[in-house]
C-alpha atoms as a PDB file:
ATOM      1  CA  MET A   1     -46.355-113.316 117.659  1.00  0.00           C
ATOM      2  CA  THR A   2     -49.935-112.035 117.461  1.00  0.00           C
ATOM      3  CA  TYR A   3     -48.887-109.583 114.746  1.00  0.00           C
ATOM      4  CA  ASP A   4     -47.439-112.460 112.753  1.00  0.00           C
ATOM      5  CA  MET A   5     -50.566-114.578 113.141  1.00  0.00           C
ATOM      6  CA  ARG A   6     -52.720-111.670 112.016  1.00  0.00           C
ATOM      7  CA  SER A   7     -50.412-111.174 109.009  1.00  0.00           C
ATOM      8  CA  LEU A   8     -50.950-114.829 108.156  1.00  0.00           C
ATOM      9  CA  GLY A   9     -54.712-114.246 108.053  1.00  0.00           C
ATOM     10  CA  ILE A  10     -55.728-115.498 111.489  1.00  0.00           C
ATOM     11  CA  SER A  11     -58.350-113.252 113.051  1.00  0.00           C
ATOM     12  CA  ARG A  12     -58.024-111.883 116.570  1.00  0.00           C
ATOM     13  CA  GLU A  13     -61.171-113.793 117.492  1.00  0.00           C
ATOM     14  CA  ASP A  14     -59.650-117.072 116.302  1.00  0.00           C
ATOM     15  CA  VAL A  15     -56.519-116.411 118.350  1.00  0.00           C
ATOM     16  CA  VAL A  16     -58.513-115.604 121.491  1.00  0.00           C
ATOM     17  CA  ARG A  17     -60.902-118.553 121.116  1.00  0.00           C
ATOM     18  CA  SER A  18     -58.302-121.170 120.225  1.00  0.00           C
ATOM     19  CA  ARG A  19     -57.907-124.117 122.555  1.00  0.00           C
ATOM     20  CA  PRO A  20     -55.447-127.001 122.538  1.00  0.00           C
ATOM     21  CA  THR A  21     -56.458-129.989 120.465  1.00  0.00           C
ATOM     22  CA  GLU A  22     -56.673-133.429 122.001  1.00  0.00           C
ATOM     23  CA  ALA A  23     -53.362-134.290 120.328  1.00  0.00           C
ATOM     24  CA  THR A  24     -51.717-131.245 121.934  1.00  0.00           C
ATOM     25  CA  ARG A  25     -53.142-132.084 125.345  1.00  0.00           C
ATOM     26  CA  GLN A  26     -51.900-135.656 125.002  1.00  0.00           C
ATOM     27  CA  ALA A  27     -48.426-134.486 123.983  1.00  0.00           C
ATOM     28  CA  ILE A  28     -48.261-132.236 127.062  1.00  0.00           C
ATOM     29  CA  GLU A  29     -49.432-135.020 129.376  1.00  0.00           C
ATOM     30  CA  ASP A  30     -46.945-137.464 127.846  1.00  0.00           C
ATOM     31  CA  THR A  31     -44.137-134.949 128.295  1.00  0.00           C
ATOM     32  CA  PHE A  32     -45.005-134.421 131.958  1.00  0.00           C
ATOM     33  CA  ALA A  33     -45.052-138.203 132.429  1.00  0.00           C
ATOM     34  CA  LEU A  34     -41.645-138.477 130.755  1.00  0.00           C
ATOM     35  CA  ILE A  35     -40.254-135.763 133.040  1.00  0.00           C
ATOM     36  CA  ALA A  36     -41.716-137.419 136.140  1.00  0.00           C
ATOM     37  CA  ASP A  37     -40.269-140.776 135.124  1.00  0.00           C
ATOM     38  CA  ALA A  38     -36.833-139.281 134.460  1.00  0.00           C
ATOM     39  CA  GLY A  39     -36.832-137.690 137.902  1.00  0.00           C
ATOM     40  CA  ALA A  40     -37.305-141.070 139.543  1.00  0.00           C
ATOM     41  CA  HIS A  41     -34.122-142.613 138.085  1.00  0.00           C
ATOM     42  CA  GLU A  42     -30.447-142.442 138.865  1.00  0.00           C
ATOM     43  CA  HIS A  43     -28.769-139.448 137.223  1.00  0.00           C
ATOM     44  CA  SER A  44     -32.144-137.694 137.149  1.00  0.00           C
ATOM     45  CA  ASP A  45     -30.530-134.268 136.678  1.00  0.00           C
ATOM     46  CA  LEU A  46     -28.873-135.406 133.466  1.00  0.00           C
ATOM     47  CA  ARG A  47     -32.048-137.116 132.241  1.00  0.00           C
ATOM     48  CA  LEU A  48     -34.179-134.044 132.968  1.00  0.00           C
ATOM     49  CA  LEU A  49     -31.706-131.678 131.363  1.00  0.00           C
ATOM     50  CA  THR A  50     -31.613-133.836 128.234  1.00  0.00           C
ATOM     51  CA  ILE A  51     -35.410-133.984 127.984  1.00  0.00           C
ATOM     52  CA  LEU A  52     -35.856-130.255 128.549  1.00  0.00           C
ATOM     53  CA  ARG A  53     -33.078-129.323 126.121  1.00  0.00           C
ATOM     54  CA  PHE A  54     -34.534-131.524 123.396  1.00  0.00           C
ATOM     55  CA  TRP A  55     -38.192-130.649 124.012  1.00  0.00           C
ATOM     56  CA  GLY A  56     -37.742-126.976 124.804  1.00  0.00           C
ATOM     57  CA  GLU A  57     -35.011-125.998 122.379  1.00  0.00           C
ATOM     58  CA  ILE A  58     -34.125-128.476 119.647  1.00  0.00           C
ATOM     59  CA  LEU A  59     -37.626-129.655 118.793  1.00  0.00           C
ATOM     60  CA  VAL A  60     -38.994-126.100 118.855  1.00  0.00           C
ATOM     61  CA  SER A  61     -36.164-124.831 116.671  1.00  0.00           C
ATOM     62  CA  VAL A  62     -36.657-127.524 114.044  1.00  0.00           C
ATOM     63  CA  GLU A  63     -40.427-127.083 114.076  1.00  0.00           C
ATOM     64  CA  TYR A  64     -40.273-123.298 113.696  1.00  0.00           C
ATOM     65  CA  GLY A  65     -37.648-123.656 110.982  1.00  0.00           C
ATOM     66  CA  ARG A  66     -40.045-125.789 108.938  1.00  0.00           C
ATOM     67  CA  LEU A  67     -42.960-123.459 109.648  1.00  0.00           C
ATOM     68  CA  TRP A  68     -40.883-120.439 108.648  1.00  0.00           C
ATOM     69  CA  GLU A  69     -40.321-121.917 105.197  1.00  0.00           C
ATOM     70  CA  ARG A  70     -44.082-121.703 104.637  1.00  0.00           C
ATOM     71  CA  MET A  71     -44.670-118.419 106.469  1.00  0.00           C
ATOM     72  CA  ALA A  72     -41.730-116.424 105.112  1.00  0.00           C
ATOM     73  CA  PRO A  73     -43.409-115.369 101.860  1.00  0.00           C
ATOM     74  CA  LEU A  74     -46.214-113.756 103.882  1.00  0.00           C
ATOM     75  CA  LEU A  75     -43.992-112.186 106.529  1.00  0.00           C
ATOM     76  CA  THR A  76     -41.243-110.761 104.352  1.00  0.00           C
ATOM     77  CA  GLY A  77     -41.297-108.016 101.798  1.00  0.00           C
ATOM     78  CA  ASP A  78     -38.636-106.396  99.637  1.00  0.00           C
ATOM     79  CA  GLY A  79     -36.113-108.825 101.129  1.00  0.00           C
ATOM     80  CA  GLU A  80     -36.902-107.646 104.666  1.00  0.00           C
ATOM     81  CA  ASN A  81     -38.165-109.825 107.504  1.00  0.00           C
ATOM     82  CA  ARG A  82     -41.216-108.049 108.905  1.00  0.00           C
ATOM     83  CA  SER A  83     -41.976-110.697 111.467  1.00  0.00           C
ATOM     84  CA  GLY A  84     -42.046-109.589 115.082  1.00  0.00           C
ATOM     85  CA  PHE A  85     -41.384-113.108 116.307  1.00  0.00           C
ATOM     86  CA  HIS A  86     -39.283-114.969 113.715  1.00  0.00           C
ATOM     87  CA  LEU A  87     -36.144-112.874 113.493  1.00  0.00           C
END
């Protein structure tokens, strides 16, 4: 992933110094609250599995798919995917 970020023009220093934004921190806190709430209800296993599947797989897949549309021209060449992360 670091190789890809460098290929996109992000310096090593920027990668190392980056910190979550307030919006990212809030999204993480809200997700933990959602998980905690789901665990307190009947059928908590099903609720938790649904949350984790959506948050950890579906949402990530859709988000990376949209990002790839913008990154692909910089991470492909001669019809070949040169990304180390987005295969």
